[in-house]
Amino acid sequence: MQEVNEAELDYPDDTNALLNGEPFTGRAIEYDADVPVELTTYIDGREEGPRLTWNTEGQLLIQGNMSRHHGAVGPWHFWDEEGNLIREHVFDAAGNIRIIREWDETGRILGEEIREALRGNRPIDIAKRGPLRWR
């Protein structure tokens, strides 16, 4: 898969990424002072696949998966600067945020919220189906 510096891409609108005027397929990496801080995956110019965010020390802060048709899907994880998992959002296949969980810095769960789907042409019972698997 092709990998480019995110600065090489053009964004003529809110949904397409172009490289040399053509829809981009591959991984775009954003840098801050030569340190990678975000990786976004594109297929045919649209976000599709893993998205990762790091701080400038290389600590992973956000890990999730994007769908070109529905935005965020599956589990998204959020860490603090010390590497502690502090939040999880679970999206269904239609891009609805269905579960939100939060932890304190010791790993103790602070809360869980389960939400109903707001969009999609059929209800998705994630309790039976489970969250989308990470690619």
Protein backbone atom coordinates (compact mmCIF):
# COMPACT_ATOMS: atom_id res chain seq x y z
CA MET A 1 0.00 0.00 0.00
CA GLN A 2 1.32 3.42 -0.95
CA GLU A 3 2.36 5.71 1.90
CA VAL A 4 2.68 9.50 1.54
CA ASN A 5 3.11 12.59 3.66
CA GLU A 6 -0.37 14.00 4.28
CA ALA A 7 0.86 17.40 3.07
CA GLU A 8 1.16 15.94 -0.46
CA LEU A 9 -2.62 15.37 -0.68
CA ASP A 10 -5.21 17.82 -1.96
CA TYR A 11 -8.72 17.98 -0.50
CA PRO A 12 -11.05 19.66 -3.02
CA ASP A 13 -14.06 18.97 -0.76
CA ASP A 14 -14.79 17.42 2.63
CA THR A 15 -14.85 13.82 1.40
CA ASN A 16 -12.07 13.27 -1.15
CA ALA A 17 -8.28 13.09 -0.98
CA LEU A 18 -6.34 13.48 -4.21
CA LEU A 19 -2.71 12.82 -5.06
CA ASN A 20 -1.56 14.45 -8.32
CA GLY A 21 -5.22 15.07 -9.22
CA GLU A 22 -6.25 11.42 -8.80
CA PRO A 23 -8.20 9.77 -5.95
CA PHE A 24 -5.63 8.52 -3.47
CA THR A 25 -5.40 4.92 -2.23
CA GLY A 26 -2.97 4.30 0.59
CA ARG A 27 -1.86 5.66 3.95
CA ALA A 28 -1.32 9.36 4.57
CA ILE A 29 0.87 10.30 7.51
CA GLU A 30 0.74 13.73 9.10
CA TYR A 31 3.95 14.95 10.71
CA ASP A 32 4.74 17.47 13.43
CA ALA A 33 8.41 18.46 13.25
CA ASP A 34 9.30 15.20 11.43
CA VAL A 35 7.44 13.08 14.01
CA PRO A 36 4.37 11.13 12.77
CA VAL A 37 1.24 12.24 14.65
CA GLU A 38 -1.61 10.84 12.53
CA LEU A 39 -2.16 8.04 10.03
CA THR A 40 -5.25 8.05 7.83
CA THR A 41 -6.07 5.31 5.33
CA TYR A 42 -7.79 6.06 2.01
CA ILE A 43 -9.30 3.93 -0.74
CA ASP A 44 -10.21 5.68 -3.99
CA GLY A 45 -9.88 9.04 -2.28
CA ARG A 46 -12.24 8.27 0.62
CA GLU A 47 -11.32 7.47 4.23
CA GLU A 48 -11.53 3.71 4.68
CA GLY A 49 -9.66 1.69 7.26
CA PRO A 50 -7.47 2.44 10.26
CA ARG A 51 -6.95 5.90 11.69
CA LEU A 52 -4.26 6.36 14.34
CA THR A 53 -3.17 9.43 16.31
CA TRP A 54 0.03 9.77 18.38
CA ASN A 55 1.51 12.56 20.44
CA THR A 56 4.93 13.95 19.50
CA GLU A 57 6.61 11.49 21.89
CA GLY A 58 5.15 8.55 19.93
CA GLN A 59 2.45 7.59 22.47
CA LEU A 60 -0.65 6.21 20.77
CA LEU A 61 -3.64 8.40 21.70
CA ILE A 62 -6.45 7.28 19.37
CA GLN A 63 -7.05 4.09 17.38
CA GLY A 64 -10.14 3.53 15.27
CA ASN A 65 -11.52 2.42 11.94
CA MET A 66 -13.32 4.44 9.27
CA SER A 67 -15.88 3.41 6.65
CA ARG A 68 -16.18 5.45 3.49
CA HIS A 69 -19.97 5.28 3.70
CA HIS A 70 -20.64 5.66 7.43
CA GLY A 71 -17.65 7.34 9.08
CA ALA A 72 -16.40 5.80 12.31
CA VAL A 73 -17.21 2.09 12.75
CA GLY A 74 -16.22 -0.59 15.23
CA PRO A 75 -14.28 0.07 18.42
CA TRP A 76 -12.38 3.33 18.91
CA HIS A 77 -9.90 3.53 21.79
CA PHE A 78 -8.52 6.63 23.48
CA TRP A 79 -5.44 6.73 25.74
CA ASP A 80 -4.02 9.46 27.94
CA GLU A 81 -0.44 10.76 27.67
CA GLU A 82 0.76 8.03 30.08
CA GLY A 83 -0.67 5.23 27.93
CA ASN A 84 -3.73 4.46 30.08
CA LEU A 85 -6.90 3.48 28.25
CA ILE A 86 -9.39 6.17 29.27
CA ARG A 87 -12.27 5.83 26.80
CA GLU A 88 -13.81 3.45 24.29
CA HIS A 89 -16.48 4.26 21.75
CA VAL A 90 -18.10 1.37 19.87
CA PHE A 91 -19.83 2.25 16.60
CA ASP A 92 -22.12 -0.09 14.69
CA ALA A 93 -21.83 -0.82 10.96
CA ALA A 94 -24.06 2.20 10.15
CA GLY A 95 -21.78 4.57 12.07
CA ASN A 96 -24.02 4.95 15.12
CA ILE A 97 -22.18 5.32 18.40
CA ARG A 98 -23.69 2.52 20.47
CA ILE A 99 -21.45 2.13 23.52
CA ILE A 100 -19.29 4.61 25.43
CA ARG A 101 -17.04 3.42 28.25
CA GLU A 102 -14.67 5.46 30.41
CA TRP A 103 -11.90 4.43 32.82
CA ASP A 104 -9.82 6.32 35.35
CA GLU A 105 -6.00 6.30 35.28
CA THR A 106 -5.90 3.15 37.44
CA GLY A 107 -8.04 1.17 34.98
CA ARG A 108 -11.22 1.27 37.08
CA ILE A 109 -14.34 1.70 34.94
CA LEU A 110 -16.08 4.99 35.61
CA GLY A 111 -19.14 4.39 33.50
CA GLU A 112 -20.78 2.83 30.49
CA GLU A 113 -23.49 4.29 28.31
CA ILE A 114 -25.46 2.24 25.78
CA ARG A 115 -27.24 4.19 23.04
CA GLU A 116 -29.92 3.41 20.51
CA ALA A 117 -29.12 3.62 16.79
CA LEU A 118 -30.03 6.97 15.23
CA ARG A 119 -29.55 6.04 11.56
CA GLY A 120 -29.53 3.01 9.32
CA ASN A 121 -32.25 1.17 7.48
CA ARG A 122 -32.47 -1.68 9.96
CA PRO A 123 -31.76 -2.01 13.64
CA ILE A 124 -28.48 -3.65 14.55
CA ASP A 125 -28.47 -5.56 17.82
CA ILE A 126 -24.83 -5.32 18.89
CA ALA A 127 -25.53 -7.39 21.98
CA LYS A 128 -26.13 -10.38 19.67
CA ARG A 129 -23.77 -9.42 16.85
CA GLY A 130 -20.96 -7.85 18.86
CA PRO A 131 -18.84 -4.89 17.76
CA LEU A 132 -17.07 -4.90 14.43
CA ARG A 133 -13.75 -6.67 14.50
CA TRP A 134 -10.60 -4.62 14.15
CA ARG A 135 -8.90 -5.12 10.76
